[in-house]
Amino acid sequence: MASQSSWSDAKEHPVLSILCSAFLLAPILTPVVIWRLYLYLSSDIGADNPFPDPWPALAWMIILAFALSLVCAFPLVPLYRMFARCWKRWCAS
Protein backbone atom coordinates (compact mmCIF):
# COMPACT_ATOMS: atom_id res chain seq x y z
CA MET A 1 0.00 0.00 0.00
CA ALA A 2 1.60 3.21 -1.19
CA SER A 3 0.78 6.40 0.60
CA GLN A 4 0.36 9.63 -1.31
CA SER A 5 2.10 12.78 -0.31
CA SER A 6 0.17 15.58 1.32
CA TRP A 7 -0.61 18.84 -0.43
CA SER A 8 1.36 20.57 2.29
CA ASP A 9 4.55 18.75 1.22
CA ALA A 10 6.62 21.67 -0.08
CA LYS A 11 9.04 19.52 -2.08
CA GLU A 12 6.48 17.63 -4.17
CA HIS A 13 3.71 20.26 -4.41
CA PRO A 14 5.29 23.70 -3.91
CA VAL A 15 2.41 25.78 -5.36
CA LEU A 16 -0.32 23.86 -3.54
CA SER A 17 1.69 24.04 -0.36
CA ILE A 18 1.93 27.84 -0.56
CA LEU A 19 -1.79 28.12 -1.37
CA CYS A 20 -2.80 25.89 1.55
CA SER A 21 -0.50 27.74 3.93
CA ALA A 22 -1.84 31.11 2.80
CA PHE A 23 -5.43 29.96 3.25
CA LEU A 24 -4.53 28.76 6.75
CA LEU A 25 -2.74 31.98 7.66
CA ALA A 26 -5.50 34.31 6.42
CA PRO A 27 -8.09 33.40 9.12
CA ILE A 28 -5.40 33.83 11.76
CA LEU A 29 -4.66 37.36 10.53
CA THR A 30 -8.35 38.29 10.05
CA PRO A 31 -9.13 39.38 13.67
CA VAL A 32 -6.15 41.74 13.68
CA VAL A 33 -7.24 43.26 10.37
CA ILE A 34 -10.84 43.58 11.63
CA TRP A 35 -9.62 45.48 14.68
CA ARG A 36 -7.46 47.81 12.60
CA LEU A 37 -10.32 48.43 10.14
CA TYR A 38 -12.68 49.22 13.00
CA LEU A 39 -10.22 51.69 14.50
CA TYR A 40 -9.60 53.30 11.12
CA LEU A 41 -13.27 53.60 10.22
CA SER A 42 -14.48 54.82 13.61
CA SER A 43 -11.72 57.36 14.24
CA ASP A 44 -12.23 59.49 11.11
CA ILE A 45 -16.01 59.65 11.04
CA GLY A 46 -16.69 62.03 13.90
CA ALA A 47 -20.37 61.15 14.05
CA ASP A 48 -22.30 59.99 17.09
CA ASN A 49 -23.40 56.76 15.40
CA PRO A 50 -20.81 55.80 12.76
CA PHE A 51 -22.53 52.48 11.89
CA PRO A 52 -26.32 52.96 11.76
CA ASP A 53 -26.91 49.27 10.90
CA PRO A 54 -24.11 47.35 12.65
CA TRP A 55 -24.77 43.76 11.50
CA PRO A 56 -24.37 44.35 7.75
CA ALA A 57 -21.39 46.58 8.50
CA LEU A 58 -19.82 43.78 10.54
CA ALA A 59 -20.48 41.25 7.77
CA TRP A 60 -18.84 43.48 5.15
CA MET A 61 -15.96 44.20 7.52
CA ILE A 62 -15.33 40.46 8.01
CA ILE A 63 -15.37 39.86 4.24
CA LEU A 64 -13.03 42.78 3.61
CA ALA A 65 -10.72 41.76 6.46
CA PHE A 66 -10.46 38.20 5.15
CA ALA A 67 -9.68 39.47 1.64
CA LEU A 68 -6.98 41.81 2.97
CA SER A 69 -5.58 39.01 5.14
CA LEU A 70 -5.43 36.74 2.12
CA VAL A 71 -3.59 39.40 0.11
CA CYS A 72 -1.12 39.80 2.99
CA ALA A 73 -0.71 36.04 3.51
CA PHE A 74 0.42 35.26 -0.04
CA PRO A 75 3.74 37.15 0.17
CA LEU A 76 4.26 36.29 3.86
CA VAL A 77 4.32 32.52 3.33
CA PRO A 78 7.15 32.47 0.73
CA LEU A 79 9.08 35.09 2.70
CA TYR A 80 8.82 32.98 5.86
CA ARG A 81 9.96 29.88 3.98
CA MET A 82 12.89 31.74 2.43
CA PHE A 83 14.02 33.11 5.82
CA ALA A 84 13.57 29.70 7.46
CA ARG A 85 15.70 28.07 4.77
CA CYS A 86 18.41 30.74 5.14
CA TRP A 87 18.32 30.43 8.93
CA LYS A 88 18.64 26.63 8.67
CA ARG A 89 21.66 26.94 6.39
CA TRP A 90 23.23 29.61 8.61
CA CYS A 91 22.81 27.52 11.77
CA ALA A 92 24.11 24.39 10.04
CA SER A 93 27.44 25.99 9.18
PDB file of N, CA and C in Angstrom:
ATOM      1  N   MET A   1       0.838  -1.170   0.000  1.00  0.00           N
ATOM      2  CA  MET A   1       0.000   0.000   0.000  1.00  0.00           C
ATOM      3  C   MET A   1       0.892   1.245   0.000  1.00  0.00           C
ATOM      4  N   ALA A   2       0.782   2.009  -1.050  1.00  0.00           N
ATOM      5  CA  ALA A   2       1.601   3.215  -1.187  1.00  0.00           C
ATOM      6  C   ALA A   2       0.811   4.424  -0.702  1.00  0.00           C
ATOM      7  N   SER A   3       1.456   5.202   0.110  1.00  0.00           N
ATOM      8  CA  SER A   3       0.778   6.404   0.601  1.00  0.00           C
ATOM      9  C   SER A   3       1.120   7.584  -0.305  1.00  0.00           C
ATOM     10  N   GLN A   4       0.142   8.451  -0.486  1.00  0.00           N
ATOM     11  CA  GLN A   4       0.363   9.629  -1.306  1.00  0.00           C
ATOM     12  C   GLN A   4       0.851  10.769  -0.433  1.00  0.00           C
ATOM     13  N   SER A   5       1.589  11.646  -1.067  1.00  0.00           N
ATOM     14  CA  SER A   5       2.103  12.782  -0.306  1.00  0.00           C
ATOM     15  C   SER A   5       0.989  13.798  -0.079  1.00  0.00           C
ATOM     16  N   SER A   6       1.143  14.554   0.972  1.00  0.00           N
ATOM     17  CA  SER A   6       0.168  15.582   1.324  1.00  0.00           C
ATOM     18  C   SER A   6       0.351  16.805   0.441  1.00  0.00           C
ATOM     19  N   TRP A   7      -0.716  17.599   0.319  1.00  0.00           N
ATOM     20  CA  TRP A   7      -0.608  18.842  -0.432  1.00  0.00           C
ATOM     21  C   TRP A   7       0.292  19.831   0.272  1.00  0.00           C
ATOM     22  N   SER A   8       0.502  19.645   1.555  1.00  0.00           N
ATOM     23  CA  SER A   8       1.363  20.566   2.289  1.00  0.00           C
ATOM     24  C   SER A   8       2.840  20.183   2.190  1.00  0.00           C
ATOM     25  N   ASP A   9       3.158  19.132   1.434  1.00  0.00           N
ATOM     26  CA  ASP A   9       4.552  18.752   1.217  1.00  0.00           C
ATOM     27  C   ASP A   9       5.167  19.736   0.232  1.00  0.00           C
ATOM     28  N   ALA A  10       6.068  20.578   0.726  1.00  0.00           N
ATOM     29  CA  ALA A  10       6.618  21.667  -0.084  1.00  0.00           C
ATOM     30  C   ALA A  10       7.539  21.178  -1.195  1.00  0.00           C
ATOM     31  N   LYS A  11       8.118  20.004  -1.048  1.00  0.00           N
ATOM     32  CA  LYS A  11       9.036  19.520  -2.077  1.00  0.00           C
ATOM     33  C   LYS A  11       8.297  18.937  -3.280  1.00  0.00           C
ATOM     34  N   GLU A  12       7.193  18.244  -3.051  1.00  0.00           N
ATOM     35  CA  GLU A  12       6.478  17.631  -4.165  1.00  0.00           C
ATOM     36  C   GLU A  12       5.411  18.542  -4.768  1.00  0.00           C
ATOM     37  N   HIS A  13       4.771  19.355  -3.951  1.00  0.00           N
ATOM     38  CA  HIS A  13       3.710  20.256  -4.414  1.00  0.00           C
ATOM     39  C   HIS A  13       3.973  21.667  -3.897  1.00  0.00           C
ATOM     40  N   PRO A  14       4.945  22.391  -4.473  1.00  0.00           N
ATOM     41  CA  PRO A  14       5.287  23.703  -3.911  1.00  0.00           C
ATOM     42  C   PRO A  14       4.180  24.739  -4.040  1.00  0.00           C
ATOM     43  N   VAL A  15       3.459  24.770  -5.162  1.00  0.00           N
ATOM     44  CA  VAL A  15       2.415  25.780  -5.356  1.00  0.00           C
ATOM     45  C   VAL A  15       1.218  25.484  -4.458  1.00  0.00           C
ATOM     46  N   LEU A  16       0.800  24.230  -4.417  1.00  0.00           N
ATOM     47  CA  LEU A  16      -0.320  23.865  -3.540  1.00  0.00           C
ATOM     48  C   LEU A  16       0.030  24.062  -2.075  1.00  0.00           C
ATOM     49  N   SER A  17       1.260  23.835  -1.736  1.00  0.00           N
ATOM     50  CA  SER A  17       1.694  24.037  -0.362  1.00  0.00           C
ATOM     51  C   SER A  17       1.598  25.508   0.035  1.00  0.00           C
ATOM     52  N   ILE A  18       2.016  26.404  -0.852  1.00  0.00           N
ATOM     53  CA  ILE A  18       1.927  27.841  -0.565  1.00  0.00           C
ATOM     54  C   ILE A  18       0.468  28.278  -0.490  1.00  0.00           C
ATOM     55  N   LEU A  19      -0.372  27.777  -1.403  1.00  0.00           N
ATOM     56  CA  LEU A  19      -1.794  28.117  -1.374  1.00  0.00           C
ATOM     57  C   LEU A  19      -2.457  27.654  -0.083  1.00  0.00           C
ATOM     58  N   CYS A  20      -2.194  26.410   0.306  1.00  0.00           N
ATOM     59  CA  CYS A  20      -2.797  25.887   1.546  1.00  0.00           C
ATOM     60  C   CYS A  20      -2.308  26.669   2.758  1.00  0.00           C
ATOM     61  N   SER A  21      -1.032  26.978   2.798  1.00  0.00           N
ATOM     62  CA  SER A  21      -0.498  27.736   3.930  1.00  0.00           C
ATOM     63  C   SER A  21      -1.076  29.144   3.985  1.00  0.00           C
ATOM     64  N   ALA A  22      -1.262  29.766   2.828  1.00  0.00           N
ATOM     65  CA  ALA A  22      -1.844  31.110   2.800  1.00  0.00           C
ATOM     66  C   ALA A  22      -3.300  31.086   3.248  1.00  0.00           C
ATOM     67  N   PHE A  23      -4.046  30.066   2.830  1.00  0.00           N
ATOM     68  CA  PHE A  23      -5.434  29.963   3.254  1.00  0.00           C
ATOM     69  C   PHE A  23      -5.555  29.570   4.724  1.00  0.00           C
ATOM     70  N   LEU A  24      -4.534  29.016   5.310  1.00  0.00           N
ATOM     71  CA  LEU A  24      -4.534  28.763   6.754  1.00  0.00           C
ATOM     72  C   LEU A  24      -4.095  29.993   7.542  1.00  0.00           C
ATOM     73  N   LEU A  25      -3.214  30.791   6.980  1.00  0.00           N
ATOM     74  CA  LEU A  25      -2.738  31.985   7.665  1.00  0.00           C
ATOM     75  C   LEU A  25      -3.760  33.125   7.624  1.00  0.00           C
ATOM     76  N   ALA A  26      -4.541  33.208   6.563  1.00  0.00           N
ATOM     77  CA  ALA A  26      -5.501  34.312   6.417  1.00  0.00           C
ATOM     78  C   ALA A  26      -6.521  34.375   7.559  1.00  0.00           C
ATOM     79  N   PRO A  27      -7.157  33.278   7.977  1.00  0.00           N
ATOM     80  CA  PRO A  27      -8.085  33.400   9.118  1.00  0.00           C
ATOM     81  C   PRO A  27      -7.396  33.768  10.431  1.00  0.00           C
ATOM     82  N   ILE A  28      -6.125  33.459  10.550  1.00  0.00           N
ATOM     83  CA  ILE A  28      -5.398  33.834  11.759  1.00  0.00           C
ATOM     84  C   ILE A  28      -5.165  35.342  11.783  1.00  0.00           C
ATOM     85  N   LEU A  29      -4.898  35.924  10.621  1.00  0.00           N
ATOM     86  CA  LEU A  29      -4.665  37.362  10.530  1.00  0.00           C
ATOM     87  C   LEU A  29      -5.955  38.183  10.526  1.00  0.00           C
ATOM     88  N   THR A  30      -7.090  37.567  10.217  1.00  0.00           N
ATOM     89  CA  THR A  30      -8.352  38.292  10.049  1.00  0.00           C
ATOM     90  C   THR A  30      -8.774  39.081  11.286  1.00  0.00           C
ATOM     91  N   PRO A  31      -8.717  38.555  12.523  1.00  0.00           N
ATOM     92  CA  PRO A  31      -9.133  39.379  13.670  1.00  0.00           C
ATOM     93  C   PRO A  31      -8.289  40.640  13.855  1.00  0.00           C
ATOM     94  N   VAL A  32      -7.014  40.556  13.563  1.00  0.00           N
ATOM     95  CA  VAL A  32      -6.153  41.739  13.679  1.00  0.00           C
ATOM     96  C   VAL A  32      -6.555  42.784  12.643  1.00  0.00           C
ATOM     97  N   VAL A  33      -6.838  42.335  11.430  1.00  0.00           N
ATOM     98  CA  VAL A  33      -7.243  43.255  10.374  1.00  0.00           C
ATOM     99  C   VAL A  33      -8.615  43.853  10.684  1.00  0.00           C
ATOM    100  N   ILE A  34      -9.524  43.058  11.236  1.00  0.00           N
ATOM    101  CA  ILE A  34     -10.842  43.579  11.627  1.00  0.00           C
ATOM    102  C   ILE A  34     -10.673  44.690  12.657  1.00  0.00           C
ATOM    103  N   TRP A  35      -9.844  44.474  13.641  1.00  0.00           N
ATOM    104  CA  TRP A  35      -9.624  45.477  14.683  1.00  0.00           C
ATOM    105  C   TRP A  35      -9.042  46.750  14.096  1.00  0.00           C
ATOM    106  N   ARG A  36      -8.060  46.633  13.210  1.00  0.00           N
ATOM    107  CA  ARG A  36      -7.464  47.814  12.597  1.00  0.00           C
ATOM    108  C   ARG A  36      -8.463  48.539  11.690  1.00  0.00           C
ATOM    109  N   LEU A  37      -9.294  47.799  10.963  1.00  0.00           N
ATOM    110  CA  LEU A  37     -10.323  48.425  10.138  1.00  0.00           C
ATOM    111  C   LEU A  37     -11.335  49.179  11.000  1.00  0.00           C
ATOM    112  N   TYR A  38     -11.723  48.565  12.107  1.00  0.00           N
ATOM    113  CA  TYR A  38     -12.676  49.217  12.997  1.00  0.00           C
ATOM    114  C   TYR A  38     -12.098  50.517  13.550  1.00  0.00           C
ATOM    115  N   LEU A  39     -10.850  50.481  13.986  1.00  0.00           N
ATOM    116  CA  LEU A  39     -10.223  51.693  14.504  1.00  0.00           C
ATOM    117  C   LEU A  39     -10.092  52.756  13.417  1.00  0.00           C
ATOM    118  N   TYR A  40      -9.743  52.345  12.222  1.00  0.00           N
ATOM    119  CA  TYR A  40      -9.596  53.297  11.123  1.00  0.00           C
ATOM    120  C   TYR A  40     -10.938  53.917  10.743  1.00  0.00           C
ATOM    121  N   LEU A  41     -11.967  53.092  10.646  1.00  0.00           N
ATOM    122  CA  LEU A  41     -13.270  53.601  10.218  1.00  0.00           C
ATOM    123  C   LEU A  41     -13.962  54.431  11.293  1.00  0.00           C
ATOM    124  N   SER A  42     -13.769  54.087  12.560  1.00  0.00           N
ATOM    125  CA  SER A  42     -14.477  54.819  13.614  1.00  0.00           C
ATOM    126  C   SER A  42     -13.732  56.075  14.060  1.00  0.00           C
ATOM    127  N   SER A  43     -12.456  56.194  13.776  1.00  0.00           N
ATOM    128  CA  SER A  43     -11.716  57.362  14.242  1.00  0.00           C
ATOM    129  C   SER A  43     -11.893  58.580  13.330  1.00  0.00           C
ATOM    130  N   ASP A  44     -12.143  58.381  12.055  1.00  0.00           N
ATOM    131  CA  ASP A  44     -12.228  59.494  11.113  1.00  0.00           C
ATOM    132  C   ASP A  44     -13.652  59.981  10.846  1.00  0.00           C
ATOM    133  N   ILE A  45     -14.631  59.294  11.380  1.00  0.00           N
ATOM    134  CA  ILE A  45     -16.008  59.648  11.037  1.00  0.00           C
ATOM    135  C   ILE A  45     -16.466  60.880  11.805  1.00  0.00           C
ATOM    136  N   GLY A  46     -16.300  60.893  13.094  1.00  0.00           N
ATOM    137  CA  GLY A  46     -16.685  62.034  13.900  1.00  0.00           C
ATOM    138  C   GLY A  46     -18.175  62.125  14.166  1.00  0.00           C
ATOM    139  N   ALA A  47     -18.929  61.139  13.811  1.00  0.00           N
ATOM    140  CA  ALA A  47     -20.372  61.148  14.051  1.00  0.00           C
ATOM    141  C   ALA A  47     -20.680  60.429  15.362  1.00  0.00           C
ATOM    142  N   ASP A  48     -21.896  60.669  15.862  1.00  0.00           N
ATOM    143  CA  ASP A  48     -22.304  59.989  17.091  1.00  0.00           C
ATOM    144  C   ASP A  48     -22.537  58.504  16.861  1.00  0.00           C
ATOM    145  N   ASN A  49     -23.119  58.154  15.730  1.00  0.00           N
ATOM    146  CA  ASN A  49     -23.405  56.761  15.400  1.00  0.00           C
ATOM    147  C   ASN A  49     -22.762  56.446  14.048  1.00  0.00           C
ATOM    148  N   PRO A  50     -21.507  55.996  14.031  1.00  0.00           N
ATOM    149  CA  PRO A  50     -20.814  55.799  12.757  1.00  0.00           C
ATOM    150  C   PRO A  50     -21.389  54.642  11.941  1.00  0.00           C
ATOM    151  N   PHE A  51     -21.964  53.632  12.600  1.00  0.00           N
ATOM    152  CA  PHE A  51     -22.525  52.481  11.895  1.00  0.00           C
ATOM    153  C   PHE A  51     -24.010  52.386  12.239  1.00  0.00           C
ATOM    154  N   PRO A  52     -24.908  52.967  11.417  1.00  0.00           N
ATOM    155  CA  PRO A  52     -26.320  52.957  11.761  1.00  0.00           C
ATOM    156  C   PRO A  52     -26.917  51.555  11.774  1.00  0.00           C
ATOM    157  N   ASP A  53     -26.454  50.663  10.910  1.00  0.00           N
ATOM    158  CA  ASP A  53     -26.915  49.270  10.902  1.00  0.00           C
ATOM    159  C   ASP A  53     -25.689  48.389  11.119  1.00  0.00           C
ATOM    160  N   PRO A  54     -25.407  47.976  12.366  1.00  0.00           N
ATOM    161  CA  PRO A  54     -24.107  47.352  12.655  1.00  0.00           C
ATOM    162  C   PRO A  54     -23.917  45.947  12.092  1.00  0.00           C
ATOM    163  N   TRP A  55     -24.973  45.149  11.947  1.00  0.00           N
ATOM    164  CA  TRP A  55     -24.768  43.764  11.501  1.00  0.00           C
ATOM    165  C   TRP A  55     -24.324  43.668  10.049  1.00  0.00           C
ATOM    166  N   PRO A  56     -24.929  44.386   9.116  1.00  0.00           N
ATOM    167  CA  PRO A  56     -24.373  44.350   7.749  1.00  0.00           C
ATOM    168  C   PRO A  56     -22.973  44.965   7.672  1.00  0.00           C
ATOM    169  N   ALA A  57     -22.727  45.986   8.480  1.00  0.00           N
ATOM    170  CA  ALA A  57     -21.389  46.581   8.497  1.00  0.00           C
ATOM    171  C   ALA A  57     -20.361  45.574   9.007  1.00  0.00           C
ATOM    172  N   LEU A  58     -20.724  44.808  10.017  1.00  0.00           N
ATOM    173  CA  LEU A  58     -19.823  43.775  10.537  1.00  0.00           C
ATOM    174  C   LEU A  58     -19.581  42.680   9.501  1.00  0.00           C
ATOM    175  N   ALA A  59     -20.633  42.277   8.802  1.00  0.00           N
ATOM    176  CA  ALA A  59     -20.481  41.245   7.770  1.00  0.00           C
ATOM    177  C   ALA A  59     -19.539  41.717   6.665  1.00  0.00           C
ATOM    178  N   TRP A  60     -19.720  42.952   6.197  1.00  0.00           N
ATOM    179  CA  TRP A  60     -18.836  43.477   5.153  1.00  0.00           C
ATOM    180  C   TRP A  60     -17.420  43.666   5.669  1.00  0.00           C
ATOM    181  N   MET A  61     -17.289  44.022   6.943  1.00  0.00           N
ATOM    182  CA  MET A  61     -15.962  44.196   7.518  1.00  0.00           C
ATOM    183  C   MET A  61     -15.228  42.858   7.604  1.00  0.00           C
ATOM    184  N   ILE A  62     -15.945  41.789   7.942  1.00  0.00           N
ATOM    185  CA  ILE A  62     -15.326  40.461   8.007  1.00  0.00           C
ATOM    186  C   ILE A  62     -14.881  40.016   6.618  1.00  0.00           C
ATOM    187  N   ILE A  63     -15.726  40.237   5.616  1.00  0.00           N
ATOM    188  CA  ILE A  63     -15.370  39.857   4.240  1.00  0.00           C
ATOM    189  C   ILE A  63     -14.148  40.650   3.768  1.00  0.00           C
ATOM    190  N   LEU A  64     -14.161  41.942   4.009  1.00  0.00           N
ATOM    191  CA  LEU A  64     -13.033  42.783   3.606  1.00  0.00           C
ATOM    192  C   LEU A  64     -11.755  42.414   4.364  1.00  0.00           C
ATOM    193  N   ALA A  65     -11.893  42.131   5.663  1.00  0.00           N
ATOM    194  CA  ALA A  65     -10.724  41.758   6.463  1.00  0.00           C
ATOM    195  C   ALA A  65     -10.130  40.433   5.996  1.00  0.00           C
ATOM    196  N   PHE A  66     -10.975  39.473   5.644  1.00  0.00           N
ATOM    197  CA  PHE A  66     -10.458  38.199   5.149  1.00  0.00           C
ATOM    198  C   PHE A  66      -9.751  38.389   3.813  1.00  0.00           C
ATOM    199  N   ALA A  67     -10.317  39.214   2.935  1.00  0.00           N
ATOM    200  CA  ALA A  67      -9.681  39.469   1.641  1.00  0.00           C
ATOM    201  C   ALA A  67      -8.323  40.156   1.827  1.00  0.00           C
ATOM    202  N   LEU A  68      -8.265  41.141   2.707  1.00  0.00           N
ATOM    203  CA  LEU A  68      -6.984  41.812   2.975  1.00  0.00           C
ATOM    204  C   LEU A  68      -5.983  40.855   3.623  1.00  0.00           C
ATOM    205  N   SER A  69      -6.463  39.995   4.509  1.00  0.00           N
ATOM    206  CA  SER A  69      -5.576  39.014   5.138  1.00  0.00           C
ATOM    207  C   SER A  69      -5.033  38.035   4.114  1.00  0.00           C
ATOM    208  N   LEU A  70      -5.870  37.651   3.171  1.00  0.00           N
ATOM    209  CA  LEU A  70      -5.427  36.739   2.121  1.00  0.00           C
ATOM    210  C   LEU A  70      -4.377  37.392   1.235  1.00  0.00           C
ATOM    211  N   VAL A  71      -4.577  38.660   0.920  1.00  0.00           N
ATOM    212  CA  VAL A  71      -3.595  39.399   0.115  1.00  0.00           C
ATOM    213  C   VAL A  71      -2.272  39.503   0.874  1.00  0.00           C
ATOM    214  N   CYS A  72      -2.339  39.707   2.180  1.00  0.00           N
ATOM    215  CA  CYS A  72      -1.117  39.798   2.990  1.00  0.00           C
ATOM    216  C   CYS A  72      -0.458  38.438   3.191  1.00  0.00           C
ATOM    217  N   ALA A  73      -1.256  37.371   3.235  1.00  0.00           N
ATOM    218  CA  ALA A  73      -0.713  36.039   3.512  1.00  0.00           C
ATOM    219  C   ALA A  73       0.090  35.487   2.335  1.00  0.00           C
ATOM    220  N   PHE A  74      -0.295  35.819   1.110  1.00  0.00           N
ATOM    221  CA  PHE A  74       0.416  35.257  -0.044  1.00  0.00           C
ATOM    222  C   PHE A  74       1.888  35.655  -0.097  1.00  0.00           C
ATOM    223  N   PRO A  75       2.297  36.889   0.148  1.00  0.00           N
ATOM    224  CA  PRO A  75       3.736  37.149   0.174  1.00  0.00           C
ATOM    225  C   PRO A  75       4.410  36.725   1.482  1.00  0.00           C
ATOM    226  N   LEU A  76       3.649  36.654   2.579  1.00  0.00           N
ATOM    227  CA  LEU A  76       4.261  36.289   3.861  1.00  0.00           C
ATOM    228  C   LEU A  76       4.717  34.839   3.905  1.00  0.00           C
ATOM    229  N   VAL A  77       3.960  33.941   3.293  1.00  0.00           N
ATOM    230  CA  VAL A  77       4.319  32.518   3.327  1.00  0.00           C
ATOM    231  C   VAL A  77       5.640  32.252   2.605  1.00  0.00           C
ATOM    232  N   PRO A  78       5.836  32.705   1.356  1.00  0.00           N
ATOM    233  CA  PRO A  78       7.147  32.472   0.728  1.00  0.00           C
ATOM    234  C   PRO A  78       8.295  33.189   1.432  1.00  0.00           C
ATOM    235  N   LEU A  79       8.026  34.396   1.963  1.00  0.00           N
ATOM    236  CA  LEU A  79       9.080  35.089   2.704  1.00  0.00           C
ATOM    237  C   LEU A  79       9.491  34.315   3.943  1.00  0.00           C
ATOM    238  N   TYR A  80       8.508  33.781   4.673  1.00  0.00           N
ATOM    239  CA  TYR A  80       8.816  32.983   5.855  1.00  0.00           C
ATOM    240  C   TYR A  80       9.630  31.748   5.473  1.00  0.00           C
ATOM    241  N   ARG A  81       9.235  31.085   4.398  1.00  0.00           N
ATOM    242  CA  ARG A  81       9.964  29.875   3.978  1.00  0.00           C
ATOM    243  C   ARG A  81      11.387  30.205   3.539  1.00  0.00           C
ATOM    244  N   MET A  82      11.554  31.334   2.859  1.00  0.00           N
ATOM    245  CA  MET A  82      12.889  31.739   2.434  1.00  0.00           C
ATOM    246  C   MET A  82      13.779  32.045   3.648  1.00  0.00           C
ATOM    247  N   PHE A  83      13.235  32.807   4.623  1.00  0.00           N
ATOM    248  CA  PHE A  83      14.016  33.113   5.821  1.00  0.00           C
ATOM    249  C   PHE A  83      14.294  31.870   6.650  1.00  0.00           C
ATOM    250  N   ALA A  84      13.346  30.938   6.712  1.00  0.00           N
ATOM    251  CA  ALA A  84      13.566  29.698   7.458  1.00  0.00           C
ATOM    252  C   ALA A  84      14.660  28.859   6.804  1.00  0.00           C
ATOM    253  N   ARG A  85      14.663  28.819   5.478  1.00  0.00           N
ATOM    254  CA  ARG A  85      15.698  28.067   4.766  1.00  0.00           C
ATOM    255  C   ARG A  85      17.070  28.706   4.975  1.00  0.00           C
ATOM    256  N   CYS A  86      17.136  30.042   4.899  1.00  0.00           N
ATOM    257  CA  CYS A  86      18.409  30.738   5.142  1.00  0.00           C
ATOM    258  C   CYS A  86      18.888  30.539   6.576  1.00  0.00           C
ATOM    259  N   TRP A  87      17.973  30.615   7.523  1.00  0.00           N
ATOM    260  CA  TRP A  87      18.318  30.426   8.930  1.00  0.00           C
ATOM    261  C   TRP A  87      18.837  29.010   9.177  1.00  0.00           C
ATOM    262  N   LYS A  88      18.211  28.027   8.523  1.00  0.00           N
ATOM    263  CA  LYS A  88      18.641  26.631   8.674  1.00  0.00           C
ATOM    264  C   LYS A  88      20.048  26.454   8.131  1.00  0.00           C
ATOM    265  N   ARG A  89      20.323  27.049   6.970  1.00  0.00           N
ATOM    266  CA  ARG A  89      21.664  26.944   6.385  1.00  0.00           C
ATOM    267  C   ARG A  89      22.692  27.669   7.240  1.00  0.00           C
ATOM    268  N   TRP A  90      22.303  28.830   7.799  1.00  0.00           N
ATOM    269  CA  TRP A  90      23.231  29.606   8.606  1.00  0.00           C
ATOM    270  C   TRP A  90      23.561  28.871   9.899  1.00  0.00           C
ATOM    271  N   CYS A  91      22.568  28.240  10.509  1.00  0.00           N
ATOM    272  CA  CYS A  91      22.809  27.520  11.766  1.00  0.00           C
ATOM    273  C   CYS A  91      23.556  26.209  11.530  1.00  0.00           C
ATOM    274  N   ALA A  92      23.432  25.642  10.331  1.00  0.00           N
ATOM    275  CA  ALA A  92      24.112  24.389  10.041  1.00  0.00           C
ATOM    276  C   ALA A  92      25.614  24.589   9.815  1.00  0.00           C
ATOM    277  N   SER A  93      26.011  25.799   9.430  1.00  0.00           N
ATOM    278  CA  SER A  93      27.441  25.993   9.178  1.00  0.00           C
ATOM    279  C   SER A  93      28.213  26.395  10.389  1.00  0.00           C
TER     280      SER A  93
END
